[in-house]
Amino acid sequence: MNNIKEVDDHLLGLSAPQDSLLFEAKIILNPELQLNVMWHKQTLNLVQQYGREQLCADIEAVHNKLFTRPEHLIFRQNILRFFKR
């Protein structure tokens, strides 16, 4: 578990410069750690991508509610008027 935190801190740029340099040396010397770092990086990228997709879906849902429901008619008109200027 400590190794995961160390990898996470390194990949996210949270390590102190001297710790980061030492960790990079460990990666070079340890092929298993190198593989773990690669998989961890891919996992972080997937999580980030999922977060972006989820955020886009949430924004789209809010947009649909605000611009299609009758109870938001005045809000919709105000927004459209604001952008017509």
PDB file of N, CA and C in Angstrom:
ATOM      1  N   MET A   1       0.828  -1.195   0.000  1.00  0.00           N
ATOM      2  CA  MET A   1       0.000   0.000   0.000  1.00  0.00           C
ATOM      3  C   MET A   1       0.869   1.253   0.000  1.00  0.00           C
ATOM      4  N   ASN A   2       1.974   1.214   0.724  1.00  0.00           N
ATOM      5  CA  ASN A   2       2.887   2.347   0.760  1.00  0.00           C
ATOM      6  C   ASN A   2       3.450   2.615  -0.630  1.00  0.00           C
ATOM      7  N   ASN A   3       3.698   1.521  -1.368  1.00  0.00           N
ATOM      8  CA  ASN A   3       4.210   1.640  -2.724  1.00  0.00           C
ATOM      9  C   ASN A   3       3.209   2.353  -3.631  1.00  0.00           C
ATOM     10  N   ILE A   4       1.931   2.067  -3.459  1.00  0.00           N
ATOM     11  CA  ILE A   4       0.887   2.703  -4.271  1.00  0.00           C
ATOM     12  C   ILE A   4       0.877   4.206  -4.024  1.00  0.00           C
ATOM     13  N   LYS A   5       0.976   4.599  -2.762  1.00  0.00           N
ATOM     14  CA  LYS A   5       0.995   6.028  -2.436  1.00  0.00           C
ATOM     15  C   LYS A   5       2.227   6.698  -3.036  1.00  0.00           C
ATOM     16  N   GLU A   6       3.347   6.012  -2.972  1.00  0.00           N
ATOM     17  CA  GLU A   6       4.577   6.576  -3.529  1.00  0.00           C
ATOM     18  C   GLU A   6       4.450   6.745  -5.048  1.00  0.00           C
ATOM     19  N   VAL A   7       3.888   5.754  -5.719  1.00  0.00           N
ATOM     20  CA  VAL A   7       3.681   5.824  -7.173  1.00  0.00           C
ATOM     21  C   VAL A   7       2.696   6.949  -7.490  1.00  0.00           C
ATOM     22  N   ASP A   8       1.603   6.988  -6.739  1.00  0.00           N
ATOM     23  CA  ASP A   8       0.583   8.013  -6.940  1.00  0.00           C
ATOM     24  C   ASP A   8       1.176   9.410  -6.766  1.00  0.00           C
ATOM     25  N   ASP A   9       1.893   9.626  -5.689  1.00  0.00           N
ATOM     26  CA  ASP A   9       2.507  10.937  -5.436  1.00  0.00           C
ATOM     27  C   ASP A   9       3.479  11.319  -6.556  1.00  0.00           C
ATOM     28  N   HIS A  10       4.229  10.340  -7.021  1.00  0.00           N
ATOM     29  CA  HIS A  10       5.189  10.614  -8.092  1.00  0.00           C
ATOM     30  C   HIS A  10       4.466  11.015  -9.385  1.00  0.00           C
ATOM     31  N   LEU A  11       3.462  10.235  -9.761  1.00  0.00           N
ATOM     32  CA  LEU A  11       2.755  10.505 -11.011  1.00  0.00           C
ATOM     33  C   LEU A  11       1.945  11.796 -10.966  1.00  0.00           C
ATOM     34  N   LEU A  12       1.458  12.146  -9.791  1.00  0.00           N
ATOM     35  CA  LEU A  12       0.656  13.360  -9.655  1.00  0.00           C
ATOM     36  C   LEU A  12       1.501  14.599  -9.355  1.00  0.00           C
ATOM     37  N   GLY A  13       2.822  14.403  -9.264  1.00  0.00           N
ATOM     38  CA  GLY A  13       3.721  15.524  -9.013  1.00  0.00           C
ATOM     39  C   GLY A  13       3.657  16.042  -7.592  1.00  0.00           C
ATOM     40  N   LEU A  14       3.290  15.184  -6.647  1.00  0.00           N
ATOM     41  CA  LEU A  14       3.169  15.591  -5.256  1.00  0.00           C
ATOM     42  C   LEU A  14       4.444  15.334  -4.444  1.00  0.00           C
ATOM     43  N   SER A  15       5.389  14.632  -5.046  1.00  0.00           N
ATOM     44  CA  SER A  15       6.640  14.309  -4.352  1.00  0.00           C
ATOM     45  C   SER A  15       7.576  15.512  -4.359  1.00  0.00           C
ATOM     46  N   ALA A  16       8.383  15.588  -3.317  1.00  0.00           N
ATOM     47  CA  ALA A  16       9.447  16.602  -3.298  1.00  0.00           C
ATOM     48  C   ALA A  16      10.426  16.256  -4.414  1.00  0.00           C
ATOM     49  N   PRO A  17      11.103  17.248  -4.981  1.00  0.00           N
ATOM     50  CA  PRO A  17      12.011  16.985  -6.107  1.00  0.00           C
ATOM     51  C   PRO A  17      13.043  15.890  -5.815  1.00  0.00           C
ATOM     52  N   GLN A  18      13.631  15.887  -4.617  1.00  0.00           N
ATOM     53  CA  GLN A  18      14.637  14.874  -4.292  1.00  0.00           C
ATOM     54  C   GLN A  18      14.000  13.484  -4.186  1.00  0.00           C
ATOM     55  N   ASP A  19      12.776  13.428  -3.669  1.00  0.00           N
ATOM     56  CA  ASP A  19      12.068  12.141  -3.588  1.00  0.00           C
ATOM     57  C   ASP A  19      11.696  11.643  -4.984  1.00  0.00           C
ATOM     58  N   SER A  20      11.318  12.555  -5.837  1.00  0.00           N
ATOM     59  CA  SER A  20      10.958  12.199  -7.203  1.00  0.00           C
ATOM     60  C   SER A  20      12.171  11.649  -7.953  1.00  0.00           C
ATOM     61  N   LEU A  21      13.300  12.279  -7.783  1.00  0.00           N
ATOM     62  CA  LEU A  21      14.536  11.826  -8.420  1.00  0.00           C
ATOM     63  C   LEU A  21      14.927  10.437  -7.920  1.00  0.00           C
ATOM     64  N   LEU A  22      14.821  10.227  -6.622  1.00  0.00           N
ATOM     65  CA  LEU A  22      15.121   8.918  -6.037  1.00  0.00           C
ATOM     66  C   LEU A  22      14.154   7.865  -6.561  1.00  0.00           C
ATOM     67  N   PHE A  23      12.903   8.215  -6.664  1.00  0.00           N
ATOM     68  CA  PHE A  23      11.910   7.262  -7.161  1.00  0.00           C
ATOM     69  C   PHE A  23      12.171   6.902  -8.618  1.00  0.00           C
ATOM     70  N   GLU A  24      12.559   7.873  -9.425  1.00  0.00           N
ATOM     71  CA  GLU A  24      12.882   7.589 -10.817  1.00  0.00           C
ATOM     72  C   GLU A  24      14.062   6.625 -10.922  1.00  0.00           C
ATOM     73  N   ALA A  25      15.032   6.767 -10.022  1.00  0.00           N
ATOM     74  CA  ALA A  25      16.161   5.826  -9.995  1.00  0.00           C
ATOM     75  C   ALA A  25      15.669   4.424  -9.630  1.00  0.00           C
ATOM     76  N   LYS A  26      14.743   4.347  -8.667  1.00  0.00           N
ATOM     77  CA  LYS A  26      14.180   3.047  -8.281  1.00  0.00           C
ATOM     78  C   LYS A  26      13.461   2.399  -9.461  1.00  0.00           C
ATOM     79  N   ILE A  27      12.754   3.215 -10.240  1.00  0.00           N
ATOM     80  CA  ILE A  27      12.042   2.693 -11.414  1.00  0.00           C
ATOM     81  C   ILE A  27      13.032   2.087 -12.409  1.00  0.00           C
ATOM     82  N   ILE A  28      14.137   2.770 -12.629  1.00  0.00           N
ATOM     83  CA  ILE A  28      15.147   2.284 -13.563  1.00  0.00           C
ATOM     84  C   ILE A  28      15.733   0.958 -13.093  1.00  0.00           C
ATOM     85  N   LEU A  29      15.941   0.834 -11.791  1.00  0.00           N
ATOM     86  CA  LEU A  29      16.586  -0.359 -11.241  1.00  0.00           C
ATOM     87  C   LEU A  29      15.635  -1.526 -11.008  1.00  0.00           C
ATOM     88  N   ASN A  30      14.336  -1.256 -11.016  1.00  0.00           N
ATOM     89  CA  ASN A  30      13.376  -2.299 -10.661  1.00  0.00           C
ATOM     90  C   ASN A  30      12.319  -2.445 -11.768  1.00  0.00           C
ATOM     91  N   PRO A  31      12.471  -3.450 -12.621  1.00  0.00           N
ATOM     92  CA  PRO A  31      11.515  -3.638 -13.724  1.00  0.00           C
ATOM     93  C   PRO A  31      10.081  -3.875 -13.248  1.00  0.00           C
ATOM     94  N   GLU A  32       9.928  -4.524 -12.105  1.00  0.00           N
ATOM     95  CA  GLU A  32       8.573  -4.747 -11.573  1.00  0.00           C
ATOM     96  C   GLU A  32       7.929  -3.423 -11.173  1.00  0.00           C
ATOM     97  N   LEU A  33       8.704  -2.558 -10.551  1.00  0.00           N
ATOM     98  CA  LEU A  33       8.198  -1.236 -10.182  1.00  0.00           C
ATOM     99  C   LEU A  33       7.878  -0.438 -11.452  1.00  0.00           C
ATOM    100  N   GLN A  34       8.712  -0.573 -12.462  1.00  0.00           N
ATOM    101  CA  GLN A  34       8.479   0.116 -13.739  1.00  0.00           C
ATOM    102  C   GLN A  34       7.135  -0.313 -14.338  1.00  0.00           C
ATOM    103  N   LEU A  35       6.860  -1.604 -14.271  1.00  0.00           N
ATOM    104  CA  LEU A  35       5.594  -2.129 -14.776  1.00  0.00           C
ATOM    105  C   LEU A  35       4.418  -1.619 -13.932  1.00  0.00           C
ATOM    106  N   ASN A  36       4.594  -1.619 -12.610  1.00  0.00           N
ATOM    107  CA  ASN A  36       3.544  -1.110 -11.720  1.00  0.00           C
ATOM    108  C   ASN A  36       3.236   0.359 -11.987  1.00  0.00           C
ATOM    109  N   VAL A  37       4.276   1.139 -12.226  1.00  0.00           N
ATOM    110  CA  VAL A  37       4.091   2.568 -12.507  1.00  0.00           C
ATOM    111  C   VAL A  37       3.336   2.743 -13.819  1.00  0.00           C
ATOM    112  N   MET A  38       3.693   1.936 -14.832  1.00  0.00           N
ATOM    113  CA  MET A  38       3.006   2.034 -16.119  1.00  0.00           C
ATOM    114  C   MET A  38       1.512   1.723 -15.965  1.00  0.00           C
ATOM    115  N   TRP A  39       1.190   0.640 -15.244  1.00  0.00           N
ATOM    116  CA  TRP A  39      -0.217   0.272 -15.047  1.00  0.00           C
ATOM    117  C   TRP A  39      -0.953   1.309 -14.203  1.00  0.00           C
ATOM    118  N   HIS A  40      -0.272   1.843 -13.215  1.00  0.00           N
ATOM    119  CA  HIS A  40      -0.886   2.857 -12.357  1.00  0.00           C
ATOM    120  C   HIS A  40      -1.198   4.116 -13.174  1.00  0.00           C
ATOM    121  N   LYS A  41      -0.273   4.481 -14.048  1.00  0.00           N
ATOM    122  CA  LYS A  41      -0.469   5.655 -14.906  1.00  0.00           C
ATOM    123  C   LYS A  41      -1.666   5.445 -15.831  1.00  0.00           C
ATOM    124  N   GLN A  42      -1.776   4.250 -16.404  1.00  0.00           N
ATOM    125  CA  GLN A  42      -2.914   3.954 -17.277  1.00  0.00           C
ATOM    126  C   GLN A  42      -4.224   4.001 -16.493  1.00  0.00           C
ATOM    127  N   THR A  43      -4.192   3.495 -15.272  1.00  0.00           N
ATOM    128  CA  THR A  43      -5.388   3.526 -14.422  1.00  0.00           C
ATOM    129  C   THR A  43      -5.801   4.962 -14.131  1.00  0.00           C
ATOM    130  N   LEU A  44      -4.838   5.804 -13.784  1.00  0.00           N
ATOM    131  CA  LEU A  44      -5.140   7.216 -13.523  1.00  0.00           C
ATOM    132  C   LEU A  44      -5.728   7.882 -14.760  1.00  0.00           C
ATOM    133  N   ASN A  45      -5.195   7.568 -15.930  1.00  0.00           N
ATOM    134  CA  ASN A  45      -5.722   8.137 -17.180  1.00  0.00           C
ATOM    135  C   ASN A  45      -7.157   7.695 -17.420  1.00  0.00           C
ATOM    136  N   LEU A  46      -7.454   6.422 -17.155  1.00  0.00           N
ATOM    137  CA  LEU A  46      -8.820   5.927 -17.327  1.00  0.00           C
ATOM    138  C   LEU A  46      -9.786   6.599 -16.357  1.00  0.00           C
ATOM    139  N   VAL A  47      -9.354   6.757 -15.127  1.00  0.00           N
ATOM    140  CA  VAL A  47     -10.192   7.423 -14.122  1.00  0.00           C
ATOM    141  C   VAL A  47     -10.443   8.871 -14.526  1.00  0.00           C
ATOM    142  N   GLN A  48      -9.416   9.537 -15.009  1.00  0.00           N
ATOM    143  CA  GLN A  48      -9.563  10.927 -15.453  1.00  0.00           C
ATOM    144  C   GLN A  48     -10.524  11.012 -16.640  1.00  0.00           C
ATOM    145  N   GLN A  49     -10.383  10.095 -17.585  1.00  0.00           N
ATOM    146  CA  GLN A  49     -11.269  10.085 -18.747  1.00  0.00           C
ATOM    147  C   GLN A  49     -12.709   9.836 -18.323  1.00  0.00           C
ATOM    148  N   TYR A  50     -12.910   8.879 -17.409  1.00  0.00           N
ATOM    149  CA  TYR A  50     -14.255   8.600 -16.915  1.00  0.00           C
ATOM    150  C   TYR A  50     -14.831   9.838 -16.236  1.00  0.00           C
ATOM    151  N   GLY A  51     -14.009  10.539 -15.459  1.00  0.00           N
ATOM    152  CA  GLY A  51     -14.459  11.755 -14.795  1.00  0.00           C
ATOM    153  C   GLY A  51     -14.892  12.818 -15.782  1.00  0.00           C
ATOM    154  N   ARG A  52     -14.149  12.956 -16.865  1.00  0.00           N
ATOM    155  CA  ARG A  52     -14.519  13.933 -17.899  1.00  0.00           C
ATOM    156  C   ARG A  52     -15.848  13.558 -18.550  1.00  0.00           C
ATOM    157  N   GLU A  53     -15.984  12.272 -18.867  1.00  0.00           N
ATOM    158  CA  GLU A  53     -17.219  11.818 -19.500  1.00  0.00           C
ATOM    159  C   GLU A  53     -18.401  11.998 -18.556  1.00  0.00           C
ATOM    160  N   GLN A  54     -18.190  11.708 -17.282  1.00  0.00           N
ATOM    161  CA  GLN A  54     -19.264  11.877 -16.301  1.00  0.00           C
ATOM    162  C   GLN A  54     -19.638  13.345 -16.155  1.00  0.00           C
ATOM    163  N   LEU A  55     -18.641  14.227 -16.134  1.00  0.00           N
ATOM    164  CA  LEU A  55     -18.896  15.658 -16.033  1.00  0.00           C
ATOM    165  C   LEU A  55     -19.677  16.154 -17.247  1.00  0.00           C
ATOM    166  N   CYS A  56     -19.286  15.700 -18.430  1.00  0.00           N
ATOM    167  CA  CYS A  56     -20.016  16.093 -19.650  1.00  0.00           C
ATOM    168  C   CYS A  56     -21.461  15.612 -19.599  1.00  0.00           C
ATOM    169  N   ALA A  57     -21.667  14.395 -19.121  1.00  0.00           N
ATOM    170  CA  ALA A  57     -23.031  13.866 -19.015  1.00  0.00           C
ATOM    171  C   ALA A  57     -23.846  14.676 -18.012  1.00  0.00           C
ATOM    172  N   ASP A  58     -23.233  15.053 -16.891  1.00  0.00           N
ATOM    173  CA  ASP A  58     -23.926  15.855 -15.879  1.00  0.00           C
ATOM    174  C   ASP A  58     -24.291  17.231 -16.428  1.00  0.00           C
ATOM    175  N   ILE A  59     -23.364  17.851 -17.147  1.00  0.00           N
ATOM    176  CA  ILE A  59     -23.623  19.172 -17.738  1.00  0.00           C
ATOM    177  C   ILE A  59     -24.742  19.074 -18.764  1.00  0.00           C
ATOM    178  N   GLU A  60     -24.714  18.039 -19.574  1.00  0.00           N
ATOM    179  CA  GLU A  60     -25.761  17.835 -20.578  1.00  0.00           C
ATOM    180  C   GLU A  60     -27.119  17.648 -19.912  1.00  0.00           C
ATOM    181  N   ALA A  61     -27.161  16.901 -18.804  1.00  0.00           N
ATOM    182  CA  ALA A  61     -28.422  16.678 -18.090  1.00  0.00           C
ATOM    183  C   ALA A  61     -28.974  17.990 -17.533  1.00  0.00           C
ATOM    184  N   VAL A  62     -28.106  18.814 -16.972  1.00  0.00           N
ATOM    185  CA  VAL A  62     -28.538  20.114 -16.446  1.00  0.00           C
ATOM    186  C   VAL A  62     -29.030  20.995 -17.589  1.00  0.00           C
ATOM    187  N   HIS A  63     -28.289  21.004 -18.667  1.00  0.00           N
ATOM    188  CA  HIS A  63     -28.693  21.789 -19.841  1.00  0.00           C
ATOM    189  C   HIS A  63     -30.079  21.367 -20.321  1.00  0.00           C
ATOM    190  N   ASN A  64     -30.280  20.061 -20.435  1.00  0.00           N
ATOM    191  CA  ASN A  64     -31.584  19.569 -20.886  1.00  0.00           C
ATOM    192  C   ASN A  64     -32.712  19.975 -19.949  1.00  0.00           C
ATOM    193  N   LYS A  65     -32.459  19.915 -18.648  1.00  0.00           N
ATOM    194  CA  LYS A  65     -33.494  20.312 -17.678  1.00  0.00           C
ATOM    195  C   LYS A  65     -33.815  21.802 -17.799  1.00  0.00           C
ATOM    196  N   LEU A  66     -32.775  22.613 -17.896  1.00  0.00           N
ATOM    197  CA  LEU A  66     -32.981  24.061 -17.906  1.00  0.00           C
ATOM    198  C   LEU A  66     -33.587  24.565 -19.216  1.00  0.00           C
ATOM    199  N   PHE A  67     -33.332  23.887 -20.299  1.00  0.00           N
ATOM    200  CA  PHE A  67     -33.788  24.394 -21.584  1.00  0.00           C
ATOM    201  C   PHE A  67     -34.947  23.612 -22.200  1.00  0.00           C
ATOM    202  N   THR A  68     -35.497  22.663 -21.459  1.00  0.00           N
ATOM    203  CA  THR A  68     -36.640  21.932 -22.014  1.00  0.00           C
ATOM    204  C   THR A  68     -37.860  21.944 -21.095  1.00  0.00           C
ATOM    205  N   ARG A  69     -37.650  22.107 -19.829  1.00  0.00           N
ATOM    206  CA  ARG A  69     -38.794  22.066 -18.905  1.00  0.00           C
ATOM    207  C   ARG A  69     -39.520  23.403 -18.860  1.00  0.00           C
ATOM    208  N   PRO A  70     -40.839  23.356 -18.852  1.00  0.00           N
ATOM    209  CA  PRO A  70     -41.630  24.600 -18.867  1.00  0.00           C
ATOM    210  C   PRO A  70     -41.406  25.469 -17.630  1.00  0.00           C
ATOM    211  N   GLU A  71     -41.115  24.866 -16.505  1.00  0.00           N
ATOM    212  CA  GLU A  71     -40.926  25.679 -15.287  1.00  0.00           C
ATOM    213  C   GLU A  71     -39.670  26.535 -15.334  1.00  0.00           C
ATOM    214  N   HIS A  72     -38.811  26.307 -16.321  1.00  0.00           N
ATOM    215  CA  HIS A  72     -37.586  27.100 -16.458  1.00  0.00           C
ATOM    216  C   HIS A  72     -37.659  28.060 -17.648  1.00  0.00           C
ATOM    217  N   LEU A  73     -38.853  28.344 -18.107  1.00  0.00           N
ATOM    218  CA  LEU A  73     -39.036  29.187 -19.296  1.00  0.00           C
ATOM    219  C   LEU A  73     -38.426  30.572 -19.114  1.00  0.00           C
ATOM    220  N   ILE A  74     -38.679  31.211 -17.982  1.00  0.00           N
ATOM    221  CA  ILE A  74     -38.155  32.569 -17.752  1.00  0.00           C
ATOM    222  C   ILE A  74     -36.631  32.547 -17.704  1.00  0.00           C
ATOM    223  N   PHE A  75     -36.075  31.569 -17.032  1.00  0.00           N
ATOM    224  CA  PHE A  75     -34.618  31.447 -16.984  1.00  0.00           C
ATOM    225  C   PHE A  75     -34.057  31.298 -18.400  1.00  0.00           C
ATOM    226  N   ARG A  76     -34.652  30.403 -19.183  1.00  0.00           N
ATOM    227  CA  ARG A  76     -34.214  30.156 -20.553  1.00  0.00           C
ATOM    228  C   ARG A  76     -34.271  31.437 -21.385  1.00  0.00           C
ATOM    229  N   GLN A  77     -35.366  32.192 -21.257  1.00  0.00           N
ATOM    230  CA  GLN A  77     -35.506  33.439 -22.001  1.00  0.00           C
ATOM    231  C   GLN A  77     -34.450  34.459 -21.587  1.00  0.00           C
ATOM    232  N   ASN A  78     -34.183  34.546 -20.295  1.00  0.00           N
ATOM    233  CA  ASN A  78     -33.160  35.482 -19.808  1.00  0.00           C
ATOM    234  C   ASN A  78     -31.778  35.123 -20.346  1.00  0.00           C
ATOM    235  N   ILE A  79     -31.462  33.856 -20.353  1.00  0.00           N
ATOM    236  CA  ILE A  79     -30.160  33.422 -20.852  1.00  0.00           C
ATOM    237  C   ILE A  79     -30.051  33.710 -22.365  1.00  0.00           C
ATOM    238  N   LEU A  80     -31.065  33.363 -23.096  1.00  0.00           N
ATOM    239  CA  LEU A  80     -31.031  33.602 -24.541  1.00  0.00           C
ATOM    240  C   LEU A  80     -30.953  35.099 -24.858  1.00  0.00           C
ATOM    241  N   ARG A  81     -31.658  35.906 -24.099  1.00  0.00           N
ATOM    242  CA  ARG A  81     -31.612  37.354 -24.296  1.00  0.00           C
ATOM    243  C   ARG A  81     -30.208  37.882 -23.990  1.00  0.00           C
ATOM    244  N   PHE A  82     -29.578  37.356 -22.970  1.00  0.00           N
ATOM    245  CA  PHE A  82     -28.241  37.779 -22.582  1.00  0.00           C
ATOM    246  C   PHE A  82     -27.243  37.532 -23.720  1.00  0.00           C
ATOM    247  N   PHE A  83     -27.371  36.420 -24.399  1.00  0.00           N
ATOM    248  CA  PHE A  83     -26.434  36.086 -25.462  1.00  0.00           C
ATOM    249  C   PHE A  83     -26.781  36.714 -26.809  1.00  0.00           C
ATOM    250  N   LYS A  84     -27.976  37.303 -26.935  1.00  0.00           N
ATOM    251  CA  LYS A  84     -28.329  37.978 -28.173  1.00  0.00           C
ATOM    252  C   LYS A  84     -27.717  39.367 -28.264  1.00  0.00           C
ATOM    253  N   ARG A  85     -27.264  39.882 -27.158  1.00  0.00           N
ATOM    254  CA  ARG A  85     -26.703  41.243 -27.127  1.00  0.00           C
ATOM    255  C   ARG A  85     -25.494  41.381 -27.966  1.00  0.00           C
TER     256      ARG A  85
END
